[in-house]
Amino acid sequence: MTEAGAGTGAATRWGVGLLASTWTFAASGNDYLRELRVAGVPIVYVIWHGGLLPALWRHRGEPTALLVSEHRDGSHLAAAAAGWGYRLVRGSSTHGAARGLLGVIHRLEQGGDVALTPDGPCGPARVAKAGAAAAAQRTGAAVVPVGTAASCGWRVGSWDRFLIPRPFARVQIVYDRPFTVGVGRRALVEGARRLQEGLDRATGMAECRA
């Protein structure tokens, strides 16, 4: 990472930390996570790219690997996430896809958790690609769709309308019911469908409650 990238990451962490210290979090579906951890099942967290920031803040310090785009914009996110304790896997569905998927699979096979944005890095927004389902199928990991929303926030003018909750916002996080992906092509197609539906449902619930 370049000195400029490290500096940008430090500035991002400082700014987000200042904002996030005023946020109030409410989460539903925590029991799903506790059950998976007790059972020792690795988790693939999936979340729409635009709603990533509140979830990154809430899970900071946990031993989770984050799949980060190889785009230049991804380097800023990587610098910030690394400072919050995330382990980084570089790659995406379009750039470095094979390397990224292998890194995710390796992490899951070691028993670790991963987080990725199935509509990233360039969209279309809220349309899931099948990489997360494929990684879960390969490793037996559980997929947990995550939805986030805020009572008030800024939306960046990017393809994903990236959410930055405003000071003193109420942030809602919804963890949808986990699922695993069976063996074979049909199971993978079904897993991709459940991934899309789970993300739509979790995000919709979070937005209704915010």
N, C-alpha and C. Protein backbone atom coordinates (compact mmCIF):
# COMPACT_ATOMS: atom_id res chain seq x y z
N MET A 1 0.84 -1.19 0.00
CA MET A 1 0.00 0.00 0.00
C MET A 1 0.88 1.24 0.00
N THR A 2 0.56 2.22 -0.81
CA THR A 2 1.35 3.44 -0.89
C THR A 2 1.13 4.31 0.33
N GLU A 3 2.06 5.28 0.54
CA GLU A 3 1.89 6.20 1.65
C GLU A 3 0.61 7.01 1.50
N ALA A 4 0.31 7.39 0.22
CA ALA A 4 -0.93 8.13 -0.02
C ALA A 4 -2.15 7.31 0.34
N GLY A 5 -2.12 6.01 -0.05
CA GLY A 5 -3.24 5.13 0.28
C GLY A 5 -3.41 4.95 1.77
N ALA A 6 -2.27 4.81 2.48
CA ALA A 6 -2.33 4.67 3.93
C ALA A 6 -2.89 5.93 4.57
N GLY A 7 -2.46 7.09 4.03
CA GLY A 7 -2.96 8.35 4.57
C GLY A 7 -4.44 8.51 4.35
N THR A 8 -4.91 8.13 3.15
CA THR A 8 -6.34 8.19 2.86
C THR A 8 -7.12 7.26 3.77
N GLY A 9 -6.56 6.07 4.00
CA GLY A 9 -7.23 5.13 4.89
C GLY A 9 -7.33 5.65 6.31
N ALA A 10 -6.26 6.29 6.79
CA ALA A 10 -6.28 6.84 8.14
C ALA A 10 -7.30 7.97 8.25
N ALA A 11 -7.36 8.82 7.22
CA ALA A 11 -8.34 9.91 7.23
C ALA A 11 -9.76 9.37 7.20
N THR A 12 -9.98 8.31 6.40
CA THR A 12 -11.31 7.70 6.33
C THR A 12 -11.70 7.11 7.68
N ARG A 13 -10.78 6.41 8.30
CA ARG A 13 -11.07 5.82 9.61
C ARG A 13 -11.39 6.90 10.64
N TRP A 14 -10.64 7.99 10.62
CA TRP A 14 -10.88 9.07 11.57
C TRP A 14 -12.26 9.68 11.34
N GLY A 15 -12.59 9.97 10.08
CA GLY A 15 -13.87 10.59 9.78
C GLY A 15 -15.05 9.69 10.11
N VAL A 16 -14.94 8.42 9.72
CA VAL A 16 -16.02 7.48 10.01
C VAL A 16 -16.14 7.27 11.52
N GLY A 17 -15.01 7.16 12.20
CA GLY A 17 -15.05 6.97 13.64
C GLY A 17 -15.75 8.12 14.35
N LEU A 18 -15.50 9.34 13.87
CA LEU A 18 -16.14 10.50 14.47
C LEU A 18 -17.65 10.45 14.27
N LEU A 19 -18.07 10.11 13.04
CA LEU A 19 -19.50 9.99 12.76
C LEU A 19 -20.13 8.84 13.54
N ALA A 20 -19.46 7.68 13.46
CA ALA A 20 -20.05 6.47 14.01
C ALA A 20 -20.18 6.51 15.53
N SER A 21 -19.36 7.32 16.18
CA SER A 21 -19.47 7.44 17.64
C SER A 21 -20.82 8.01 18.05
N THR A 22 -21.55 8.61 17.10
CA THR A 22 -22.87 9.18 17.41
C THR A 22 -24.01 8.27 16.94
N TRP A 23 -23.71 7.24 16.19
CA TRP A 23 -24.76 6.37 15.66
C TRP A 23 -25.32 5.47 16.76
N THR A 24 -26.59 5.14 16.64
CA THR A 24 -27.23 4.13 17.49
C THR A 24 -27.59 2.93 16.63
N PHE A 25 -27.14 1.76 17.04
CA PHE A 25 -27.36 0.55 16.25
C PHE A 25 -28.49 -0.29 16.83
N ALA A 26 -29.28 -0.87 15.94
CA ALA A 26 -30.26 -1.89 16.30
C ALA A 26 -30.08 -3.03 15.30
N ALA A 27 -30.02 -4.24 15.80
CA ALA A 27 -29.77 -5.38 14.91
C ALA A 27 -30.76 -6.50 15.21
N SER A 28 -31.19 -7.17 14.15
CA SER A 28 -32.03 -8.36 14.31
C SER A 28 -31.38 -9.51 13.56
N GLY A 29 -31.60 -10.72 14.07
CA GLY A 29 -30.98 -11.90 13.48
C GLY A 29 -29.66 -12.28 14.11
N ASN A 30 -29.31 -11.64 15.24
CA ASN A 30 -28.04 -11.99 15.91
C ASN A 30 -27.99 -13.45 16.35
N ASP A 31 -29.16 -14.02 16.65
CA ASP A 31 -29.19 -15.43 17.07
C ASP A 31 -28.65 -16.34 15.98
N TYR A 32 -28.90 -16.00 14.72
CA TYR A 32 -28.37 -16.80 13.62
C TYR A 32 -26.84 -16.86 13.69
N LEU A 33 -26.22 -15.72 13.94
CA LEU A 33 -24.76 -15.66 13.99
C LEU A 33 -24.23 -16.46 15.18
N ARG A 34 -24.88 -16.33 16.33
CA ARG A 34 -24.43 -17.07 17.51
C ARG A 34 -24.51 -18.57 17.27
N GLU A 35 -25.58 -19.03 16.64
CA GLU A 35 -25.73 -20.47 16.39
C GLU A 35 -24.64 -20.99 15.44
N LEU A 36 -24.33 -20.22 14.43
CA LEU A 36 -23.29 -20.64 13.49
C LEU A 36 -21.93 -20.69 14.16
N ARG A 37 -21.66 -19.70 15.02
CA ARG A 37 -20.36 -19.68 15.68
C ARG A 37 -20.22 -20.81 16.68
N VAL A 38 -21.30 -21.11 17.41
CA VAL A 38 -21.26 -22.24 18.34
C VAL A 38 -21.01 -23.54 17.59
N ALA A 39 -21.63 -23.68 16.42
CA ALA A 39 -21.48 -24.89 15.61
C ALA A 39 -20.15 -24.94 14.85
N GLY A 40 -19.42 -23.84 14.85
CA GLY A 40 -18.14 -23.81 14.15
C GLY A 40 -18.27 -23.75 12.63
N VAL A 41 -19.39 -23.23 12.14
CA VAL A 41 -19.61 -23.14 10.70
C VAL A 41 -19.11 -21.79 10.20
N PRO A 42 -18.20 -21.78 9.21
CA PRO A 42 -17.73 -20.49 8.67
C PRO A 42 -18.86 -19.75 7.96
N ILE A 43 -18.77 -18.43 7.96
CA ILE A 43 -19.84 -17.57 7.46
C ILE A 43 -19.36 -16.78 6.25
N VAL A 44 -20.23 -16.71 5.24
CA VAL A 44 -20.05 -15.78 4.13
C VAL A 44 -21.09 -14.68 4.31
N TYR A 45 -20.66 -13.53 4.82
CA TYR A 45 -21.56 -12.38 4.90
C TYR A 45 -21.67 -11.75 3.51
N VAL A 46 -22.89 -11.48 3.08
CA VAL A 46 -23.09 -10.79 1.80
C VAL A 46 -23.94 -9.56 2.05
N ILE A 47 -23.57 -8.45 1.41
CA ILE A 47 -24.26 -7.19 1.62
C ILE A 47 -24.14 -6.36 0.35
N TRP A 48 -25.16 -5.59 0.04
CA TRP A 48 -25.06 -4.72 -1.13
C TRP A 48 -23.96 -3.69 -0.90
N HIS A 49 -23.26 -3.37 -1.97
CA HIS A 49 -22.11 -2.47 -1.89
C HIS A 49 -22.49 -1.12 -1.26
N GLY A 50 -23.65 -0.61 -1.60
CA GLY A 50 -24.07 0.69 -1.10
C GLY A 50 -24.32 0.74 0.39
N GLY A 51 -24.57 -0.41 1.02
CA GLY A 51 -24.85 -0.44 2.45
C GLY A 51 -23.72 -0.97 3.29
N LEU A 52 -22.51 -1.01 2.74
CA LEU A 52 -21.39 -1.68 3.39
C LEU A 52 -20.88 -0.95 4.63
N LEU A 53 -20.84 0.37 4.61
CA LEU A 53 -20.13 1.11 5.65
C LEU A 53 -20.62 0.83 7.06
N PRO A 54 -21.94 0.89 7.35
CA PRO A 54 -22.37 0.63 8.74
C PRO A 54 -21.99 -0.77 9.22
N ALA A 55 -22.07 -1.75 8.32
CA ALA A 55 -21.72 -3.12 8.71
C ALA A 55 -20.23 -3.25 8.99
N LEU A 56 -19.40 -2.60 8.18
CA LEU A 56 -17.96 -2.62 8.43
C LEU A 56 -17.65 -2.05 9.81
N TRP A 57 -18.32 -0.97 10.15
CA TRP A 57 -18.05 -0.36 11.46
C TRP A 57 -18.50 -1.28 12.59
N ARG A 58 -19.69 -1.85 12.46
CA ARG A 58 -20.21 -2.69 13.55
C ARG A 58 -19.35 -3.93 13.77
N HIS A 59 -18.76 -4.49 12.71
CA HIS A 59 -17.99 -5.73 12.83
C HIS A 59 -16.49 -5.50 12.91
N ARG A 60 -16.07 -4.25 13.11
CA ARG A 60 -14.64 -3.97 13.19
C ARG A 60 -14.03 -4.76 14.35
N GLY A 61 -12.80 -5.18 14.17
CA GLY A 61 -12.11 -5.93 15.20
C GLY A 61 -12.38 -7.42 15.19
N GLU A 62 -13.35 -7.86 14.39
CA GLU A 62 -13.62 -9.30 14.29
C GLU A 62 -12.69 -9.92 13.25
N PRO A 63 -12.37 -11.20 13.41
CA PRO A 63 -11.44 -11.85 12.47
C PRO A 63 -12.13 -12.25 11.16
N THR A 64 -12.55 -11.26 10.41
CA THR A 64 -13.27 -11.49 9.16
C THR A 64 -12.42 -10.99 8.00
N ALA A 65 -12.41 -11.74 6.92
CA ALA A 65 -11.71 -11.33 5.70
C ALA A 65 -12.68 -10.63 4.77
N LEU A 66 -12.24 -9.55 4.16
CA LEU A 66 -13.08 -8.73 3.29
C LEU A 66 -12.56 -8.82 1.86
N LEU A 67 -13.44 -9.19 0.92
CA LEU A 67 -13.06 -9.19 -0.49
C LEU A 67 -13.14 -7.77 -1.00
N VAL A 68 -12.02 -7.23 -1.45
CA VAL A 68 -11.91 -5.83 -1.85
C VAL A 68 -11.53 -5.75 -3.32
N SER A 69 -12.17 -4.86 -4.04
CA SER A 69 -11.92 -4.69 -5.46
C SER A 69 -10.48 -4.27 -5.74
N GLU A 70 -9.96 -4.68 -6.89
CA GLU A 70 -8.64 -4.23 -7.33
C GLU A 70 -8.71 -2.88 -8.03
N HIS A 71 -9.90 -2.32 -8.18
CA HIS A 71 -10.01 -0.96 -8.71
C HIS A 71 -9.30 0.00 -7.75
N ARG A 72 -8.89 1.17 -8.27
CA ARG A 72 -8.22 2.15 -7.43
C ARG A 72 -9.10 2.57 -6.26
N ASP A 73 -10.41 2.71 -6.49
CA ASP A 73 -11.31 3.07 -5.40
C ASP A 73 -11.29 2.03 -4.30
N GLY A 74 -11.08 0.78 -4.70
CA GLY A 74 -11.03 -0.28 -3.72
C GLY A 74 -9.86 -0.16 -2.77
N SER A 75 -8.77 0.49 -3.21
CA SER A 75 -7.60 0.63 -2.35
C SER A 75 -7.90 1.54 -1.16
N HIS A 76 -8.75 2.54 -1.34
CA HIS A 76 -9.11 3.42 -0.23
C HIS A 76 -9.91 2.64 0.81
N LEU A 77 -10.87 1.85 0.35
CA LEU A 77 -11.65 1.02 1.26
C LEU A 77 -10.75 0.01 1.96
N ALA A 78 -9.81 -0.57 1.22
CA ALA A 78 -8.90 -1.55 1.80
C ALA A 78 -8.08 -0.95 2.92
N ALA A 79 -7.58 0.27 2.71
CA ALA A 79 -6.77 0.92 3.73
C ALA A 79 -7.57 1.16 5.00
N ALA A 80 -8.81 1.61 4.85
CA ALA A 80 -9.64 1.85 6.02
C ALA A 80 -9.99 0.54 6.71
N ALA A 81 -10.41 -0.46 5.94
CA ALA A 81 -10.83 -1.74 6.52
C ALA A 81 -9.68 -2.44 7.24
N ALA A 82 -8.49 -2.35 6.66
CA ALA A 82 -7.33 -2.98 7.31
C ALA A 82 -7.08 -2.36 8.68
N GLY A 83 -7.27 -1.06 8.79
CA GLY A 83 -7.10 -0.39 10.07
C GLY A 83 -8.15 -0.77 11.09
N TRP A 84 -9.29 -1.27 10.62
CA TRP A 84 -10.34 -1.73 11.53
C TRP A 84 -10.19 -3.21 11.87
N GLY A 85 -9.14 -3.84 11.41
CA GLY A 85 -8.86 -5.22 11.78
C GLY A 85 -9.27 -6.27 10.77
N TYR A 86 -9.78 -5.87 9.61
CA TYR A 86 -10.18 -6.85 8.60
C TYR A 86 -8.95 -7.40 7.87
N ARG A 87 -9.00 -8.67 7.55
CA ARG A 87 -8.02 -9.26 6.66
C ARG A 87 -8.53 -9.08 5.23
N LEU A 88 -7.65 -8.77 4.32
CA LEU A 88 -8.08 -8.39 2.98
C LEU A 88 -7.77 -9.47 1.94
N VAL A 89 -8.75 -9.71 1.09
CA VAL A 89 -8.59 -10.55 -0.09
C VAL A 89 -8.85 -9.66 -1.29
N ARG A 90 -7.90 -9.52 -2.20
CA ARG A 90 -8.08 -8.63 -3.33
C ARG A 90 -8.65 -9.38 -4.52
N GLY A 91 -9.60 -8.75 -5.21
CA GLY A 91 -10.23 -9.34 -6.38
C GLY A 91 -11.69 -8.95 -6.42
N SER A 92 -12.38 -9.32 -7.50
CA SER A 92 -13.80 -9.00 -7.64
C SER A 92 -14.38 -9.91 -8.70
N SER A 93 -15.63 -9.65 -9.03
CA SER A 93 -16.29 -10.47 -10.06
C SER A 93 -15.79 -10.13 -11.46
N THR A 94 -15.11 -8.99 -11.61
CA THR A 94 -14.67 -8.59 -12.94
C THR A 94 -13.16 -8.43 -13.04
N HIS A 95 -12.48 -8.00 -11.97
CA HIS A 95 -11.05 -7.82 -11.98
C HIS A 95 -10.44 -8.72 -10.90
N GLY A 96 -9.55 -9.63 -11.33
CA GLY A 96 -8.95 -10.54 -10.38
C GLY A 96 -9.95 -11.53 -9.81
N ALA A 97 -10.94 -11.90 -10.62
CA ALA A 97 -12.04 -12.73 -10.11
C ALA A 97 -11.55 -14.07 -9.60
N ALA A 98 -10.72 -14.76 -10.40
CA ALA A 98 -10.27 -16.09 -10.00
C ALA A 98 -9.44 -16.03 -8.73
N ARG A 99 -8.54 -15.06 -8.66
CA ARG A 99 -7.70 -14.93 -7.47
C ARG A 99 -8.53 -14.58 -6.25
N GLY A 100 -9.50 -13.69 -6.46
CA GLY A 100 -10.36 -13.31 -5.35
C GLY A 100 -11.16 -14.48 -4.82
N LEU A 101 -11.76 -15.27 -5.71
CA LEU A 101 -12.55 -16.42 -5.30
C LEU A 101 -11.69 -17.46 -4.59
N LEU A 102 -10.49 -17.70 -5.11
CA LEU A 102 -9.60 -18.66 -4.46
C LEU A 102 -9.21 -18.18 -3.06
N GLY A 103 -8.98 -16.88 -2.92
CA GLY A 103 -8.65 -16.35 -1.60
C GLY A 103 -9.79 -16.51 -0.62
N VAL A 104 -11.01 -16.27 -1.09
CA VAL A 104 -12.19 -16.46 -0.24
C VAL A 104 -12.33 -17.92 0.17
N ILE A 105 -12.19 -18.81 -0.79
CA ILE A 105 -12.31 -20.24 -0.50
C ILE A 105 -11.25 -20.69 0.50
N HIS A 106 -10.03 -20.22 0.30
CA HIS A 106 -8.94 -20.59 1.22
C HIS A 106 -9.25 -20.14 2.64
N ARG A 107 -9.75 -18.93 2.78
CA ARG A 107 -10.10 -18.41 4.10
C ARG A 107 -11.20 -19.25 4.75
N LEU A 108 -12.23 -19.60 3.99
CA LEU A 108 -13.32 -20.40 4.52
C LEU A 108 -12.86 -21.80 4.90
N GLU A 109 -11.99 -22.39 4.10
CA GLU A 109 -11.48 -23.72 4.40
C GLU A 109 -10.65 -23.73 5.68
N GLN A 110 -10.10 -22.58 6.03
CA GLN A 110 -9.37 -22.47 7.29
C GLN A 110 -10.30 -22.25 8.49
N GLY A 111 -11.60 -22.11 8.20
CA GLY A 111 -12.57 -21.91 9.27
C GLY A 111 -12.86 -20.46 9.56
N GLY A 112 -12.34 -19.54 8.74
CA GLY A 112 -12.58 -18.12 8.97
C GLY A 112 -13.82 -17.63 8.25
N ASP A 113 -14.28 -16.46 8.62
CA ASP A 113 -15.44 -15.82 7.98
C ASP A 113 -14.97 -14.85 6.91
N VAL A 114 -15.82 -14.61 5.92
CA VAL A 114 -15.53 -13.64 4.87
C VAL A 114 -16.75 -12.75 4.66
N ALA A 115 -16.50 -11.58 4.09
CA ALA A 115 -17.58 -10.67 3.74
C ALA A 115 -17.34 -10.15 2.33
N LEU A 116 -18.40 -10.08 1.54
CA LEU A 116 -18.25 -9.57 0.19
C LEU A 116 -19.53 -8.91 -0.27
N THR A 117 -19.40 -8.12 -1.32
CA THR A 117 -20.52 -7.39 -1.91
C THR A 117 -20.82 -7.97 -3.28
N PRO A 118 -21.86 -8.78 -3.42
CA PRO A 118 -22.08 -9.51 -4.67
C PRO A 118 -22.53 -8.65 -5.84
N ASP A 119 -22.80 -7.35 -5.61
CA ASP A 119 -23.10 -6.47 -6.74
C ASP A 119 -21.90 -5.59 -7.10
N GLY A 120 -20.79 -5.73 -6.38
CA GLY A 120 -19.61 -4.91 -6.65
C GLY A 120 -18.70 -5.54 -7.69
N PRO A 121 -17.69 -4.77 -8.16
CA PRO A 121 -17.39 -3.40 -7.75
C PRO A 121 -18.09 -2.32 -8.57
N CYS A 122 -18.74 -2.71 -9.66
CA CYS A 122 -19.29 -1.69 -10.57
C CYS A 122 -20.77 -1.87 -10.88
N GLY A 123 -21.43 -2.78 -10.21
CA GLY A 123 -22.86 -2.95 -10.44
C GLY A 123 -23.18 -3.98 -11.52
N PRO A 124 -24.44 -4.00 -11.93
CA PRO A 124 -25.51 -3.09 -11.53
C PRO A 124 -25.88 -3.24 -10.06
N ALA A 125 -26.32 -2.13 -9.48
CA ALA A 125 -26.61 -2.11 -8.05
C ALA A 125 -27.73 -3.09 -7.70
N ARG A 126 -27.51 -3.80 -6.59
CA ARG A 126 -28.49 -4.72 -6.02
C ARG A 126 -28.88 -5.85 -6.98
N VAL A 127 -27.94 -6.24 -7.81
CA VAL A 127 -28.09 -7.44 -8.65
C VAL A 127 -26.93 -8.36 -8.29
N ALA A 128 -27.24 -9.50 -7.67
CA ALA A 128 -26.20 -10.36 -7.11
C ALA A 128 -25.54 -11.23 -8.18
N LYS A 129 -24.23 -11.31 -8.12
CA LYS A 129 -23.47 -12.29 -8.89
C LYS A 129 -23.32 -13.54 -8.03
N ALA A 130 -22.95 -14.65 -8.66
CA ALA A 130 -23.04 -15.95 -8.00
C ALA A 130 -21.78 -16.36 -7.24
N GLY A 131 -20.76 -15.50 -7.16
CA GLY A 131 -19.50 -15.89 -6.55
C GLY A 131 -19.63 -16.34 -5.10
N ALA A 132 -20.45 -15.65 -4.33
CA ALA A 132 -20.61 -16.02 -2.92
C ALA A 132 -21.25 -17.39 -2.78
N ALA A 133 -22.24 -17.67 -3.62
CA ALA A 133 -22.89 -18.99 -3.58
C ALA A 133 -21.90 -20.07 -3.99
N ALA A 134 -21.05 -19.79 -4.97
CA ALA A 134 -20.05 -20.77 -5.41
C ALA A 134 -19.04 -21.06 -4.31
N ALA A 135 -18.59 -20.01 -3.59
CA ALA A 135 -17.64 -20.22 -2.50
C ALA A 135 -18.27 -21.03 -1.37
N ALA A 136 -19.54 -20.76 -1.07
CA ALA A 136 -20.24 -21.51 -0.03
C ALA A 136 -20.42 -22.96 -0.44
N GLN A 137 -20.74 -23.20 -1.71
CA GLN A 137 -20.90 -24.57 -2.20
C GLN A 137 -19.60 -25.34 -2.07
N ARG A 138 -18.51 -24.70 -2.40
CA ARG A 138 -17.21 -25.36 -2.39
C ARG A 138 -16.76 -25.72 -0.97
N THR A 139 -17.15 -24.94 0.02
CA THR A 139 -16.58 -25.07 1.36
C THR A 139 -17.56 -25.52 2.43
N GLY A 140 -18.86 -25.54 2.13
CA GLY A 140 -19.84 -25.88 3.14
C GLY A 140 -20.15 -24.74 4.09
N ALA A 141 -19.70 -23.54 3.76
CA ALA A 141 -19.97 -22.37 4.60
C ALA A 141 -21.44 -21.98 4.51
N ALA A 142 -21.89 -21.21 5.48
CA ALA A 142 -23.25 -20.69 5.48
C ALA A 142 -23.25 -19.27 4.95
N VAL A 143 -24.18 -18.96 4.08
CA VAL A 143 -24.35 -17.61 3.55
C VAL A 143 -25.32 -16.85 4.44
N VAL A 144 -24.92 -15.66 4.88
CA VAL A 144 -25.79 -14.81 5.70
C VAL A 144 -26.00 -13.48 4.97
N PRO A 145 -27.18 -13.28 4.37
CA PRO A 145 -27.48 -11.98 3.76
C PRO A 145 -27.65 -10.91 4.83
N VAL A 146 -27.08 -9.74 4.59
CA VAL A 146 -27.11 -8.64 5.56
C VAL A 146 -27.71 -7.40 4.89
N GLY A 147 -28.66 -6.78 5.56
CA GLY A 147 -29.24 -5.53 5.08
C GLY A 147 -28.96 -4.41 6.06
N THR A 148 -28.67 -3.21 5.56
CA THR A 148 -28.45 -2.06 6.43
C THR A 148 -29.28 -0.87 5.94
N ALA A 149 -29.58 0.03 6.85
CA ALA A 149 -30.28 1.27 6.52
C ALA A 149 -30.07 2.23 7.67
N ALA A 150 -30.33 3.51 7.42
CA ALA A 150 -30.18 4.53 8.45
C ALA A 150 -31.38 5.46 8.43
N SER A 151 -31.69 6.01 9.60
CA SER A 151 -32.82 6.93 9.70
C SER A 151 -32.58 8.20 8.89
N CYS A 152 -31.32 8.57 8.74
CA CYS A 152 -30.97 9.71 7.89
C CYS A 152 -29.53 9.53 7.44
N GLY A 153 -29.22 9.94 6.25
CA GLY A 153 -27.88 9.73 5.75
C GLY A 153 -27.64 10.45 4.45
N TRP A 154 -26.38 10.50 4.07
CA TRP A 154 -25.98 11.02 2.77
C TRP A 154 -25.85 9.86 1.79
N ARG A 155 -26.18 10.09 0.53
CA ARG A 155 -25.98 9.12 -0.54
C ARG A 155 -24.97 9.68 -1.53
N VAL A 156 -23.86 8.98 -1.66
CA VAL A 156 -22.83 9.39 -2.60
C VAL A 156 -23.35 9.24 -4.02
N GLY A 157 -22.97 10.12 -4.91
CA GLY A 157 -23.44 10.06 -6.29
C GLY A 157 -22.69 9.05 -7.12
N SER A 158 -22.63 7.83 -6.65
CA SER A 158 -21.94 6.74 -7.35
C SER A 158 -22.96 5.72 -7.81
N TRP A 159 -22.50 4.72 -8.55
CA TRP A 159 -23.40 3.72 -9.11
C TRP A 159 -24.23 3.02 -8.03
N ASP A 160 -23.66 2.88 -6.82
CA ASP A 160 -24.33 2.13 -5.75
C ASP A 160 -25.07 3.02 -4.76
N ARG A 161 -25.01 4.35 -4.94
CA ARG A 161 -25.60 5.30 -3.99
C ARG A 161 -25.16 4.97 -2.57
N PHE A 162 -23.84 4.95 -2.40
CA PHE A 162 -23.19 4.53 -1.16
C PHE A 162 -23.73 5.32 0.03
N LEU A 163 -24.13 4.60 1.07
CA LEU A 163 -24.78 5.20 2.24
C LEU A 163 -23.75 5.61 3.29
N ILE A 164 -23.82 6.87 3.73
CA ILE A 164 -23.06 7.36 4.87
C ILE A 164 -24.07 7.91 5.88
N PRO A 165 -24.34 7.18 6.96
CA PRO A 165 -25.31 7.69 7.95
C PRO A 165 -24.87 9.03 8.52
N ARG A 166 -25.83 9.93 8.72
CA ARG A 166 -25.54 11.25 9.29
C ARG A 166 -25.28 11.14 10.79
N PRO A 167 -24.74 12.19 11.39
CA PRO A 167 -24.56 12.17 12.84
C PRO A 167 -25.87 11.88 13.57
N PHE A 168 -25.78 11.03 14.58
CA PHE A 168 -26.90 10.65 15.45
C PHE A 168 -27.98 9.84 14.73
N ALA A 169 -27.63 9.26 13.59
CA ALA A 169 -28.59 8.40 12.87
C ALA A 169 -28.83 7.11 13.65
N ARG A 170 -30.02 6.57 13.47
CA ARG A 170 -30.34 5.21 13.95
C ARG A 170 -30.05 4.26 12.81
N VAL A 171 -29.13 3.35 13.04
CA VAL A 171 -28.70 2.40 12.01
C VAL A 171 -29.32 1.05 12.28
N GLN A 172 -30.00 0.52 11.28
CA GLN A 172 -30.62 -0.80 11.37
C GLN A 172 -29.78 -1.81 10.58
N ILE A 173 -29.50 -2.95 11.22
CA ILE A 173 -28.83 -4.05 10.54
C ILE A 173 -29.69 -5.30 10.70
N VAL A 174 -29.97 -5.96 9.59
CA VAL A 174 -30.79 -7.17 9.60
C VAL A 174 -29.97 -8.32 9.03
N TYR A 175 -29.84 -9.40 9.80
CA TYR A 175 -29.20 -10.63 9.34
C TYR A 175 -30.30 -11.61 8.96
N ASP A 176 -30.35 -11.96 7.68
CA ASP A 176 -31.38 -12.87 7.22
C ASP A 176 -31.01 -14.31 7.57
N ARG A 177 -31.97 -15.20 7.43
CA ARG A 177 -31.74 -16.61 7.78
C ARG A 177 -30.60 -17.19 6.93
N PRO A 178 -29.61 -17.83 7.57
CA PRO A 178 -28.49 -18.42 6.82
C PRO A 178 -28.96 -19.59 5.96
N PHE A 179 -28.20 -19.87 4.93
CA PHE A 179 -28.46 -21.05 4.11
C PHE A 179 -27.14 -21.60 3.57
N THR A 180 -27.16 -22.88 3.26
CA THR A 180 -26.01 -23.51 2.62
C THR A 180 -26.37 -23.89 1.19
N VAL A 181 -25.36 -24.20 0.41
CA VAL A 181 -25.55 -24.51 -1.01
C VAL A 181 -25.13 -25.96 -1.24
N GLY A 182 -26.05 -26.75 -1.78
CA GLY A 182 -25.78 -28.15 -2.02
C GLY A 182 -24.87 -28.39 -3.22
N VAL A 183 -24.75 -29.65 -3.56
CA VAL A 183 -23.84 -30.07 -4.63
C VAL A 183 -24.54 -29.99 -5.99
N GLY A 184 -23.79 -29.57 -7.01
CA GLY A 184 -24.31 -29.62 -8.37
C GLY A 184 -24.75 -28.28 -8.92
N ARG A 185 -24.94 -28.25 -10.22
CA ARG A 185 -25.28 -27.02 -10.92
C ARG A 185 -26.64 -26.47 -10.47
N ARG A 186 -27.63 -27.34 -10.34
CA ARG A 186 -28.95 -26.86 -9.93
C ARG A 186 -28.92 -26.24 -8.55
N ALA A 187 -28.16 -26.85 -7.65
CA ALA A 187 -28.04 -26.31 -6.30
C ALA A 187 -27.37 -24.93 -6.32
N LEU A 188 -26.40 -24.75 -7.21
CA LEU A 188 -25.73 -23.46 -7.32
C LEU A 188 -26.69 -22.39 -7.83
N VAL A 189 -27.51 -22.74 -8.83
CA VAL A 189 -28.50 -21.79 -9.33
C VAL A 189 -29.50 -21.44 -8.23
N GLU A 190 -29.93 -22.44 -7.48
CA GLU A 190 -30.85 -22.19 -6.37
C GLU A 190 -30.19 -21.32 -5.30
N GLY A 191 -28.90 -21.57 -5.03
CA GLY A 191 -28.18 -20.77 -4.06
C GLY A 191 -28.08 -19.31 -4.48
N ALA A 192 -27.84 -19.07 -5.77
CA ALA A 192 -27.78 -17.71 -6.28
C ALA A 192 -29.14 -17.02 -6.15
N ARG A 193 -30.21 -17.77 -6.38
CA ARG A 193 -31.55 -17.20 -6.24
C ARG A 193 -31.82 -16.83 -4.78
N ARG A 194 -31.47 -17.71 -3.87
CA ARG A 194 -31.69 -17.44 -2.45
C ARG A 194 -30.82 -16.27 -1.96
N LEU A 195 -29.65 -16.14 -2.54
CA LEU A 195 -28.79 -15.02 -2.21
C LEU A 195 -29.45 -13.69 -2.57
N GLN A 196 -29.97 -13.61 -3.78
CA GLN A 196 -30.66 -12.39 -4.22
C GLN A 196 -31.88 -12.11 -3.35
N GLU A 197 -32.69 -13.12 -3.12
CA GLU A 197 -33.91 -12.94 -2.34
C GLU A 197 -33.60 -12.56 -0.89
N GLY A 198 -32.57 -13.20 -0.32
CA GLY A 198 -32.21 -12.90 1.06
C GLY A 198 -31.71 -11.47 1.23
N LEU A 199 -30.92 -11.01 0.27
CA LEU A 199 -30.43 -9.63 0.34
C LEU A 199 -31.57 -8.63 0.15
N ASP A 200 -32.45 -8.90 -0.78
CA ASP A 200 -33.61 -8.02 -0.98
C ASP A 200 -34.47 -7.96 0.27
N ARG A 201 -34.68 -9.12 0.89
CA ARG A 201 -35.54 -9.18 2.08
C ARG A 201 -34.87 -8.45 3.27
N ALA A 202 -33.59 -8.74 3.51
CA ALA A 202 -32.90 -8.12 4.64
C ALA A 202 -32.80 -6.62 4.49
N THR A 203 -32.50 -6.17 3.27
CA THR A 203 -32.39 -4.73 3.02
C THR A 203 -33.74 -4.04 3.15
N GLY A 204 -34.79 -4.68 2.62
CA GLY A 204 -36.12 -4.12 2.74
C GLY A 204 -36.57 -4.00 4.18
N MET A 205 -36.28 -5.00 5.00
CA MET A 205 -36.65 -4.96 6.41
C MET A 205 -35.89 -3.86 7.15
N ALA A 206 -34.59 -3.73 6.83
CA ALA A 206 -33.80 -2.67 7.47
C ALA A 206 -34.33 -1.30 7.10
N GLU A 207 -34.68 -1.11 5.84
CA GLU A 207 -35.18 0.18 5.40
C GLU A 207 -36.53 0.50 6.03
N CYS A 208 -37.38 -0.51 6.23
CA CYS A 208 -38.68 -0.27 6.86
C CYS A 208 -38.54 0.12 8.33
N ARG A 209 -37.51 -0.38 8.98
CA ARG A 209 -37.34 -0.14 10.41
C ARG A 209 -36.53 1.11 10.72
N ALA A 210 -35.81 1.63 9.73
CA ALA A 210 -34.91 2.76 9.97
C ALA A 210 -35.71 4.03 10.30
